[in-house]
Amino acid sequence: MKIALMCPSSGPWNGIGKNKLFNGRSFRFSMLSLLTVARLSPADSQITLVDEQVDSIDFDGDYDVVGLTVMTATAPRAFEIAARFRSRGIPVVMGGFYPSLNPHQALEHCDAVVVGPAMDAWPRLLEDLTAGKIQPIYHGNPNGQIPCDLPRHLLSRHKYATTSATYATMGCRNRCRFCSVSRFYDAHHYCRPVEDVIGEVGTFDEKFFIFVDDNLTQDRDYALALFRGLAGLRKHWLTQLSIEVAWDDELLAAMAHAGCVGVFVGLESFNDKALGTQDKAFNVPQRYRDAIARFHTHGIFVEGGLMFGFDDDDAGVFARTLKLLGTIGIDTILVSIVTPLPGTALHEQMRDRIRDTDLAHYDYSHVVFTPKRMTADQLQAGADWVAYQYYRPRAILRRLLRWMVTPQGLSHLIYPLILNLAFYGRNWRFGLRGYDPAVRPAIPNSATLSPTCA
């Protein structure tokens, strides 16, 4: 069977990975979702893997089926791609977060949808396709059976910052209202056998790799066993987890000893009330500084995710946040605008306030709803302003000097430095500057409300 597996891009991000950075590679790591689907396909399949951020799609390709992994922001582009192949009589299957949370909307543009993880669903779908009886919806569940031995040879290594990316776990038991992960995995957290993970990481010929897990340490006993196994491999790695790990001395020490040099944590806000409305009250802003210091003590840098546009945010939130960022010792930040993704609890909560139904704008960089305590223009300008101010060259230099006097010194400096420069480059590429809306007069929300996304 000839199978094409594709990851669409969209809008300003289309082809961004073709702008090469380090040694001719793009600042992007490999697509584990499609590699997993490829691994689940019959061994004699002829598989073509296409990442539209670094590759071009051959719309004249000879395929028996096309599979698309779809995020909300890439859905419009996925629909275009699907239409082109379906016009040639080639069946198209969609999976990923958007089709899983909105299967009937996706089915208007494809022949079948895989809802949830593809582990047991994809093989069944291919069997039905071969028999000529493909069904519209297939429900998947990993049941702990996360495949290993992914076919990384399908990737062009020189196109990525690293192809050494993997996952030890999938999903998250938290139910943050803005997040699609808990709904995709039905608030479950699945773990691969530790020996499988250690064996796979041992095959990486690069010293650095990435765990793309949503919450690596949610199962404490599993995480400890994993870290003990990783310690002997002498590699450096990054991951994503909850900031609560900072208060677990044993786990934090084991993680550092295993080679962790950086973590992404979702801070989201410095406002307790805003966090509470999103079912994320386990974050305690008053403890951010101490938590980050504990990571630093173990040589682990911290990237914090921040979101603007919660109902308790007013026009002054941007300057307040920027000031607080200067006090907690954070190493790098990812600035996002609150985005009510269709299918999430937040979308249901904001349904009557959605003003923009263009799914391409649901990329955490656009305002798609009417904020409560500021205008949409203020929210957009303020978020852009925080990103611009935080990544000004002078601010990066200050953080660079701080890193140089840490116990690890230059040995771990490269990782936060690369991220800071990458975000600076992003701001420059898209011309992000914004302004502090607290010092400019408000501009009324001018857009009229559109029908809400289903």
Protein backbone atom coordinates (compact mmCIF):
# COMPACT_ATOMS: atom_id res chain seq x y z
CA MET A 1 0.00 0.00 0.00
CA LYS A 2 1.25 3.47 -0.92
CA ILE A 3 0.63 5.77 2.05
CA ALA A 4 1.30 9.51 2.25
CA LEU A 5 1.39 11.00 5.75
CA MET A 6 1.33 14.78 5.87
CA CYS A 7 1.56 17.59 8.40
CA PRO A 8 0.00 20.74 6.92
CA SER A 9 1.19 24.23 7.70
CA SER A 10 -0.79 27.43 7.56
CA GLY A 11 -0.67 31.19 7.21
CA PRO A 12 2.56 32.94 8.20
CA TRP A 13 3.99 29.66 9.49
CA ASN A 14 3.80 28.03 6.06
CA GLY A 15 7.33 27.15 5.06
CA ILE A 16 8.92 28.85 8.04
CA GLY A 17 11.05 25.77 8.57
CA LYS A 18 12.61 26.32 5.15
CA ASN A 19 14.46 29.30 6.61
CA LYS A 20 17.59 27.57 7.80
CA LEU A 21 19.37 28.47 11.01
CA PHE A 22 21.94 26.24 12.65
CA ASN A 23 24.17 24.30 10.23
CA GLY A 24 21.47 24.59 7.58
CA ARG A 25 18.76 23.13 9.82
CA SER A 26 15.46 24.70 10.79
CA PHE A 27 14.55 25.36 14.41
CA ARG A 28 12.06 22.51 14.49
CA PHE A 29 12.13 18.95 15.74
CA SER A 30 10.67 15.87 14.16
CA MET A 31 7.04 14.79 13.83
CA LEU A 32 6.46 11.94 16.24
CA SER A 33 2.74 11.70 15.49
CA LEU A 34 3.26 10.77 11.85
CA LEU A 35 6.26 8.58 12.64
CA THR A 36 4.01 6.67 15.02
CA VAL A 37 1.34 6.23 12.34
CA ALA A 38 4.03 5.08 9.92
CA ARG A 39 5.19 2.52 12.49
CA LEU A 40 1.61 1.22 12.81
CA SER A 41 1.32 0.68 9.04
CA PRO A 42 1.96 -2.72 7.40
CA ALA A 43 5.66 -3.51 7.06
CA ASP A 44 5.45 -3.70 3.26
CA SER A 45 3.87 -0.23 2.93
CA GLN A 46 5.53 2.43 0.78
CA ILE A 47 5.37 5.49 3.02
CA THR A 48 5.96 9.10 2.05
CA LEU A 49 6.29 11.57 4.93
CA VAL A 50 5.69 15.26 4.24
CA ASP A 51 6.13 18.09 6.75
CA GLU A 52 4.88 21.17 4.93
CA GLN A 53 6.93 23.47 7.15
CA VAL A 54 10.09 22.06 5.59
CA ASP A 55 8.83 20.23 2.48
CA SER A 56 6.54 20.77 -0.50
CA ILE A 57 3.58 18.52 -1.24
CA ASP A 58 3.51 16.55 -4.49
CA PHE A 59 -0.16 16.78 -5.40
CA ASP A 60 0.44 14.48 -8.37
CA GLY A 61 1.85 11.70 -6.18
CA ASP A 62 0.62 8.14 -6.62
CA TYR A 63 -0.94 7.21 -3.26
CA ASP A 64 -3.56 4.73 -2.10
CA VAL A 65 -4.43 6.86 0.92
CA VAL A 66 -3.39 10.22 2.37
CA GLY A 67 -3.28 10.76 6.14
CA LEU A 68 -3.25 14.26 7.60
CA THR A 69 -2.43 15.20 11.19
CA VAL A 70 -4.42 18.35 11.93
CA MET A 71 -4.24 21.06 14.57
CA THR A 72 -6.96 23.70 14.78
CA ALA A 73 -4.83 26.39 13.09
CA THR A 74 -3.81 24.04 10.27
CA ALA A 75 -7.35 22.80 9.61
CA PRO A 76 -8.11 25.21 6.72
CA ARG A 77 -4.92 24.18 4.94
CA ALA A 78 -5.67 20.52 5.65
CA PHE A 79 -9.09 20.95 4.05
CA GLU A 80 -7.45 22.41 0.92
CA ILE A 81 -4.98 19.54 0.72
CA ALA A 82 -7.73 16.98 1.22
CA ALA A 83 -9.86 18.50 -1.53
CA ARG A 84 -6.98 18.27 -4.02
CA PHE A 85 -6.35 14.58 -3.37
CA ARG A 86 -10.02 13.62 -3.12
CA SER A 87 -10.63 15.24 -6.51
CA ARG A 88 -8.28 12.55 -7.86
CA GLY A 89 -10.21 9.79 -6.10
CA ILE A 90 -7.62 9.29 -3.36
CA PRO A 91 -9.20 8.71 0.08
CA VAL A 92 -8.10 11.09 2.82
CA VAL A 93 -7.98 10.35 6.55
CA MET A 94 -7.63 13.03 9.23
CA GLY A 95 -6.39 12.63 12.78
CA GLY A 96 -4.93 14.79 15.51
CA PHE A 97 -6.42 17.28 17.92
CA TYR A 98 -8.88 19.18 15.71
CA PRO A 99 -10.52 16.14 14.04
CA SER A 100 -10.61 14.27 17.35
CA LEU A 101 -12.44 17.07 19.14
CA ASN A 102 -14.58 18.00 16.11
CA PRO A 103 -14.99 14.80 14.07
CA HIS A 104 -18.19 15.70 12.26
CA GLN A 105 -16.81 19.04 11.09
CA ALA A 106 -13.66 17.30 9.83
CA LEU A 107 -15.72 14.64 8.05
CA GLU A 108 -17.10 17.32 5.76
CA HIS A 109 -13.63 17.42 4.21
CA CYS A 110 -12.32 13.83 4.37
CA ASP A 111 -13.33 10.19 4.11
CA ALA A 112 -12.53 9.08 7.66
CA VAL A 113 -11.47 10.51 11.01
CA VAL A 114 -9.36 8.87 13.70
CA VAL A 115 -10.56 10.13 17.10
CA GLY A 116 -7.89 10.06 19.78
CA PRO A 117 -4.57 8.21 19.65
CA ALA A 118 -4.11 6.14 16.50
CA MET A 119 -2.55 3.07 18.13
CA ASP A 120 -5.29 0.51 17.58
CA ALA A 121 -7.40 2.56 15.17
CA TRP A 122 -5.01 3.02 12.24
CA PRO A 123 -4.41 -0.71 11.58
CA ARG A 124 -8.18 -1.34 11.65
CA LEU A 125 -8.77 1.55 9.26
CA LEU A 126 -6.22 0.24 6.76
CA GLU A 127 -7.78 -3.23 6.89
CA ASP A 128 -11.20 -1.75 6.16
CA LEU A 129 -9.78 0.42 3.38
CA THR A 130 -8.23 -2.63 1.73
CA ALA A 131 -11.56 -4.46 2.01
CA GLY A 132 -13.42 -1.49 0.52
CA LYS A 133 -15.52 -0.82 3.63
CA ILE A 134 -13.87 2.16 5.30
CA GLN A 135 -15.93 3.64 8.14
CA PRO A 136 -16.31 7.39 8.80
CA ILE A 137 -15.03 7.40 12.41
CA TYR A 138 -12.46 5.23 14.20
CA HIS A 139 -11.85 5.57 17.93
CA GLY A 140 -8.34 4.90 19.16
CA ASN A 141 -6.92 4.13 22.57
CA PRO A 142 -3.26 3.41 23.31
CA ASN A 143 -4.00 1.11 26.29
CA GLY A 144 -0.39 1.55 27.26
CA GLN A 145 0.78 0.14 23.91
CA ILE A 146 2.85 3.05 22.66
CA PRO A 147 4.98 1.77 19.74
CA CYS A 148 8.76 1.96 19.70
CA ASP A 149 11.32 1.56 16.90
CA LEU A 150 9.91 4.52 14.99
CA PRO A 151 11.02 4.73 11.33
CA ARG A 152 13.16 7.86 11.68
CA HIS A 153 14.83 7.11 8.35
CA LEU A 154 11.72 8.65 6.75
CA LEU A 155 12.87 12.07 7.98
CA SER A 156 15.48 14.25 6.31
CA ARG A 157 17.75 14.77 9.27
CA HIS A 158 19.40 17.89 7.89
CA LYS A 159 16.04 19.71 7.86
CA TYR A 160 15.53 19.65 11.64
CA ALA A 161 17.29 21.05 14.67
CA THR A 162 17.14 17.48 15.95
CA THR A 163 15.41 14.28 14.95
CA SER A 164 16.21 12.83 18.38
CA ALA A 165 12.78 13.39 19.88
CA THR A 166 10.66 10.82 21.64
CA TYR A 167 7.99 10.37 24.28
CA ALA A 168 7.93 8.27 27.41
CA THR A 169 4.33 9.14 28.29
CA MET A 170 1.21 10.44 26.59
CA GLY A 171 -1.59 12.60 27.92
CA CYS A 172 -2.26 14.41 31.18
CA ARG A 173 -4.73 13.86 34.02
CA ASN A 174 -5.22 17.59 34.63
CA ARG A 175 -8.29 19.22 33.13
CA CYS A 176 -7.20 22.78 32.37
CA ARG A 177 -10.12 24.39 30.55
CA PHE A 178 -8.07 25.91 27.72
CA CYS A 179 -6.17 22.68 26.94
CA SER A 180 -7.09 20.12 24.30
CA VAL A 181 -4.72 17.44 25.61
CA SER A 182 -6.94 16.17 28.43
CA ARG A 183 -9.92 15.85 26.08
CA PHE A 184 -7.85 14.13 23.40
CA TYR A 185 -6.62 11.55 25.91
CA ASP A 186 -9.79 11.62 28.05
CA ALA A 187 -7.71 12.83 31.01
CA HIS A 188 -5.56 9.69 30.99
CA HIS A 189 -1.78 9.46 31.31
CA TYR A 190 -0.16 6.54 29.51
CA CYS A 191 3.40 5.30 30.09
CA ARG A 192 5.70 3.29 27.86
CA PRO A 193 7.75 0.53 29.47
CA VAL A 194 10.88 2.14 30.90
CA GLU A 195 13.14 -0.37 29.18
CA ASP A 196 11.64 0.56 25.78
CA VAL A 197 12.37 4.24 26.34
CA ILE A 198 15.91 3.63 27.57
CA GLY A 199 16.58 1.33 24.63
CA GLU A 200 15.34 3.89 22.13
CA VAL A 201 17.26 6.80 23.64
CA GLY A 202 20.36 4.64 23.61
CA THR A 203 20.13 4.46 19.81
CA PHE A 204 20.26 8.25 19.41
CA ASP A 205 23.66 9.26 18.07
CA GLU A 206 23.21 12.85 19.23
CA LYS A 207 24.06 13.89 22.77
CA PHE A 208 20.92 16.04 22.95
CA PHE A 209 17.30 14.89 22.64
CA ILE A 210 13.78 16.04 23.51
CA PHE A 211 10.94 14.39 25.40
CA VAL A 212 7.76 15.78 23.81
CA ASP A 213 5.54 14.48 26.63
CA ASP A 214 2.69 16.66 27.85
CA ASN A 215 3.49 16.02 31.52
CA LEU A 216 6.47 13.70 31.88
CA THR A 217 6.51 13.40 35.68
CA GLN A 218 2.79 12.99 36.41
CA ASP A 219 3.37 9.37 37.45
CA ARG A 220 6.07 9.88 40.08
CA ASP A 221 7.20 6.26 40.49
CA TYR A 222 7.43 5.82 36.73
CA ALA A 223 9.42 9.04 36.36
CA LEU A 224 11.91 8.00 39.04
CA ALA A 225 12.46 4.65 37.36
CA LEU A 226 12.88 6.37 34.00
CA PHE A 227 15.41 8.88 35.31
CA ARG A 228 17.47 6.18 37.00
CA GLY A 229 17.65 4.34 33.71
CA LEU A 230 18.60 7.45 31.75
CA ALA A 231 21.40 8.44 34.10
CA GLY A 232 23.90 6.05 32.57
CA LEU A 233 23.39 7.33 29.02
CA ARG A 234 25.05 10.70 29.73
CA LYS A 235 22.77 12.71 27.45
CA HIS A 236 21.16 16.15 27.74
CA TRP A 237 17.43 16.53 27.28
CA LEU A 238 14.45 18.88 27.52
CA THR A 239 10.86 18.16 28.46
CA GLN A 240 7.51 19.61 29.57
CA LEU A 241 6.04 19.12 33.03
CA SER A 242 4.18 20.77 35.90
CA ILE A 243 6.00 23.32 38.02
CA GLU A 244 4.98 21.30 41.10
CA VAL A 245 7.98 19.05 40.44
CA ALA A 246 10.18 21.78 41.92
CA TRP A 247 8.96 20.84 45.42
CA ASP A 248 9.91 17.17 45.09
CA ASP A 249 13.60 17.08 46.02
CA GLU A 250 14.13 13.43 45.15
CA LEU A 251 12.45 13.69 41.76
CA LEU A 252 14.19 16.95 40.86
CA ALA A 253 17.62 15.56 41.78
CA ALA A 254 16.99 12.36 39.82
CA MET A 255 15.86 14.35 36.80
CA ALA A 256 19.01 16.48 36.84
CA HIS A 257 21.25 13.44 37.32
CA ALA A 258 19.52 11.84 34.32
CA GLY A 259 20.62 14.72 32.10
CA CYS A 260 17.69 17.15 32.12
CA VAL A 261 18.96 20.63 31.23
CA GLY A 262 15.67 22.43 30.60
CA VAL A 263 11.93 22.25 31.19
CA PHE A 264 8.84 23.96 29.82
CA VAL A 265 6.25 24.74 32.49
CA GLY A 266 2.86 26.32 31.96
CA LEU A 267 2.82 29.30 34.31
CA GLU A 268 -0.08 30.83 32.33
CA SER A 269 -0.66 33.81 34.65
CA PHE A 270 0.44 35.63 37.80
CA ASN A 271 -3.24 36.03 38.76
CA ASP A 272 -4.57 33.39 41.19
CA LYS A 273 -8.16 34.09 40.22
CA ALA A 274 -7.45 33.66 36.51
CA LEU A 275 -5.74 30.35 37.19
CA GLY A 276 -8.70 29.20 39.28
CA THR A 277 -11.18 29.91 36.49
CA GLN A 278 -9.15 27.61 34.24
CA ASP A 279 -9.02 24.75 36.77
CA LYS A 280 -5.31 25.33 37.24
CA ALA A 281 -5.29 26.52 40.84
CA PHE A 282 -2.44 24.11 41.59
CA ASN A 283 -0.18 26.82 40.13
CA VAL A 284 0.77 29.27 42.89
CA PRO A 285 2.24 32.50 41.43
CA GLN A 286 3.68 33.54 44.81
CA ARG A 287 5.96 30.49 44.61
CA TYR A 288 7.13 30.84 41.00
CA ARG A 289 10.40 32.50 41.98
CA ASP A 290 11.35 29.85 44.53
CA ALA A 291 10.33 27.03 42.20
CA ILE A 292 12.47 28.37 39.36
CA ALA A 293 15.40 28.83 41.74
CA ARG A 294 15.13 25.17 42.72
CA PHE A 295 15.35 24.11 39.09
CA HIS A 296 18.36 26.39 38.62
CA THR A 297 20.11 24.86 41.63
CA HIS A 298 20.14 21.60 39.69
CA GLY A 299 21.35 23.19 36.46
CA ILE A 300 17.94 23.10 34.77
CA PHE A 301 16.77 26.18 32.85
CA VAL A 302 13.07 27.05 32.77
CA GLU A 303 10.88 28.19 29.90
CA GLY A 304 7.52 29.47 31.08
CA GLY A 305 4.31 29.54 29.09
CA LEU A 306 2.23 32.70 29.60
CA MET A 307 -1.28 33.44 28.36
CA PHE A 308 -3.00 36.81 28.12
CA GLY A 309 -6.72 37.47 27.77
CA PHE A 310 -8.26 35.72 30.76
CA ASP A 311 -11.44 37.37 32.01
CA ASP A 312 -9.60 38.93 34.95
CA ASP A 313 -6.91 40.48 32.74
CA ASP A 314 -7.16 44.22 32.15
CA ALA A 315 -4.98 46.56 30.09
CA GLY A 316 -2.46 46.78 32.92
CA VAL A 317 -1.70 43.05 32.99
CA PHE A 318 1.08 43.32 30.43
CA ALA A 319 3.27 45.81 32.30
CA ARG A 320 2.61 44.00 35.58
CA THR A 321 3.61 40.68 34.05
CA LEU A 322 6.76 42.08 32.48
CA LYS A 323 7.80 43.52 35.84
CA LEU A 324 7.16 40.23 37.63
CA LEU A 325 9.10 38.31 35.00
CA GLY A 326 12.13 40.36 35.98
CA THR A 327 11.86 39.15 39.58
CA ILE A 328 11.40 35.38 39.23
CA GLY A 329 14.54 34.48 37.29
CA ILE A 330 12.78 32.82 34.35
CA ASP A 331 15.10 32.00 31.43
CA THR A 332 12.75 32.19 28.47
CA ILE A 333 9.01 32.59 27.89
CA LEU A 334 6.42 31.61 25.33
CA VAL A 335 3.79 34.34 25.03
CA SER A 336 0.32 33.20 23.94
CA ILE A 337 -3.10 34.76 23.62
CA VAL A 338 -5.95 32.85 25.25
CA THR A 339 -7.50 30.79 22.46
CA PRO A 340 -10.82 28.93 22.87
CA LEU A 341 -10.04 25.91 20.71
CA PRO A 342 -13.19 24.23 19.37
CA GLY A 343 -13.92 21.16 21.45
CA THR A 344 -12.40 22.47 24.69
CA ALA A 345 -14.20 23.55 27.84
CA LEU A 346 -12.97 27.10 27.28
CA HIS A 347 -14.65 27.21 23.87
CA GLU A 348 -17.94 26.19 25.43
CA GLN A 349 -17.49 28.87 28.08
CA MET A 350 -16.73 31.62 25.53
CA ARG A 351 -19.08 30.50 22.76
CA ASP A 352 -21.12 33.72 22.78
CA ARG A 353 -18.04 35.95 22.66
CA ILE A 354 -16.20 34.43 19.70
CA ARG A 355 -15.68 37.09 17.05
CA ASP A 356 -13.43 35.31 14.54
CA THR A 357 -14.25 31.86 13.16
CA ASP A 358 -11.27 31.57 10.80
CA LEU A 359 -9.59 28.48 12.22
CA ALA A 360 -6.23 29.58 10.81
CA HIS A 361 -6.24 32.30 13.49
CA TYR A 362 -6.56 29.75 16.33
CA ASP A 363 -2.78 29.64 16.72
CA TYR A 364 -2.44 31.38 20.11
CA SER A 365 -1.14 34.48 18.31
CA HIS A 366 -4.46 36.08 17.29
CA VAL A 367 -7.41 37.42 19.28
CA VAL A 368 -10.48 35.44 18.23
CA PHE A 369 -12.89 36.47 21.02
CA THR A 370 -14.10 39.64 22.72
CA PRO A 371 -12.15 40.15 25.97
CA LYS A 372 -14.01 41.26 29.08
CA ARG A 373 -11.78 44.00 30.49
CA MET A 374 -9.95 45.37 27.46
CA THR A 375 -10.44 45.62 23.72
CA ALA A 376 -9.29 43.01 21.25
CA ASP A 377 -6.77 45.49 19.83
CA GLN A 378 -5.35 46.09 23.30
CA LEU A 379 -4.99 42.37 23.93
CA GLN A 380 -3.19 41.83 20.63
CA ALA A 381 -0.90 44.82 21.09
CA GLY A 382 -0.14 43.99 24.72
CA ALA A 383 0.81 40.37 24.05
CA ASP A 384 3.07 41.42 21.17
CA TRP A 385 4.62 44.12 23.37
CA VAL A 386 5.53 41.67 26.14
CA ALA A 387 7.20 39.33 23.64
CA TYR A 388 9.09 42.23 22.07
CA GLN A 389 10.26 43.70 25.37
CA TYR A 390 11.32 40.36 26.85
CA TYR A 391 13.42 39.45 23.82
CA ARG A 392 15.12 42.78 23.21
CA PRO A 393 18.89 42.26 22.77
CA ARG A 394 19.66 44.11 26.02
CA ALA A 395 17.29 41.86 27.97
CA ILE A 396 18.80 38.73 26.42
CA LEU A 397 22.29 39.99 27.32
CA ARG A 398 21.25 40.46 30.96
CA ARG A 399 20.02 36.89 31.10
CA LEU A 400 23.21 35.71 29.39
CA LEU A 401 25.34 37.30 32.09
CA ARG A 402 23.19 35.68 34.77
CA TRP A 403 23.61 32.23 33.22
CA MET A 404 27.39 32.64 33.03
CA VAL A 405 27.72 32.92 36.81
CA THR A 406 25.67 29.81 37.58
CA PRO A 407 27.49 26.69 38.87
CA GLN A 408 27.11 25.06 35.44
CA GLY A 409 28.47 28.12 33.64
CA LEU A 410 29.05 27.68 29.93
CA SER A 411 28.27 23.95 29.89
CA HIS A 412 24.49 24.52 29.88
CA LEU A 413 24.47 28.06 28.47
CA ILE A 414 23.88 26.99 24.88
CA TYR A 415 20.31 25.72 25.39
CA PRO A 416 18.59 28.84 26.81
CA LEU A 417 20.72 31.02 24.53
CA ILE A 418 19.47 29.24 21.41
CA LEU A 419 15.86 29.57 22.56
CA ASN A 420 16.24 33.27 23.33
CA LEU A 421 17.79 33.92 19.93
CA ALA A 422 15.10 31.86 18.22
CA PHE A 423 12.32 33.90 19.83
CA TYR A 424 14.15 37.12 19.00
CA GLY A 425 14.29 35.94 15.38
CA ARG A 426 10.58 35.15 15.45
CA ASN A 427 9.75 38.65 16.66
CA TRP A 428 11.95 40.15 13.96
CA ARG A 429 10.49 37.94 11.22
CA PHE A 430 6.90 38.86 12.03
CA GLY A 431 7.61 42.45 13.01
CA LEU A 432 6.21 42.05 16.53
CA ARG A 433 6.45 45.22 18.60
CA GLY A 434 3.02 46.05 19.98
CA TYR A 435 2.59 48.67 22.69
CA ASP A 436 1.63 48.91 26.34
CA PRO A 437 -2.16 49.39 26.18
CA ALA A 438 -2.20 50.76 29.74
CA VAL A 439 -0.58 53.98 28.48
CA ARG A 440 -2.66 54.39 25.33
CA PRO A 441 -6.39 55.15 25.08
CA ALA A 442 -8.64 52.18 24.49
CA ILE A 443 -9.90 51.51 20.99
CA PRO A 444 -13.38 49.94 20.98
CA ASN A 445 -13.73 46.39 19.70
CA SER A 446 -14.65 47.09 16.11
CA ALA A 447 -15.33 43.57 14.85
CA THR A 448 -18.87 42.29 14.94
CA LEU A 449 -19.59 38.91 16.45
CA SER A 450 -19.53 36.02 13.98
CA PRO A 451 -21.35 32.72 14.29
CA THR A 452 -19.43 30.57 16.73
CA CYS A 453 -17.32 27.57 15.77
CA ALA A 454 -18.94 24.24 16.42
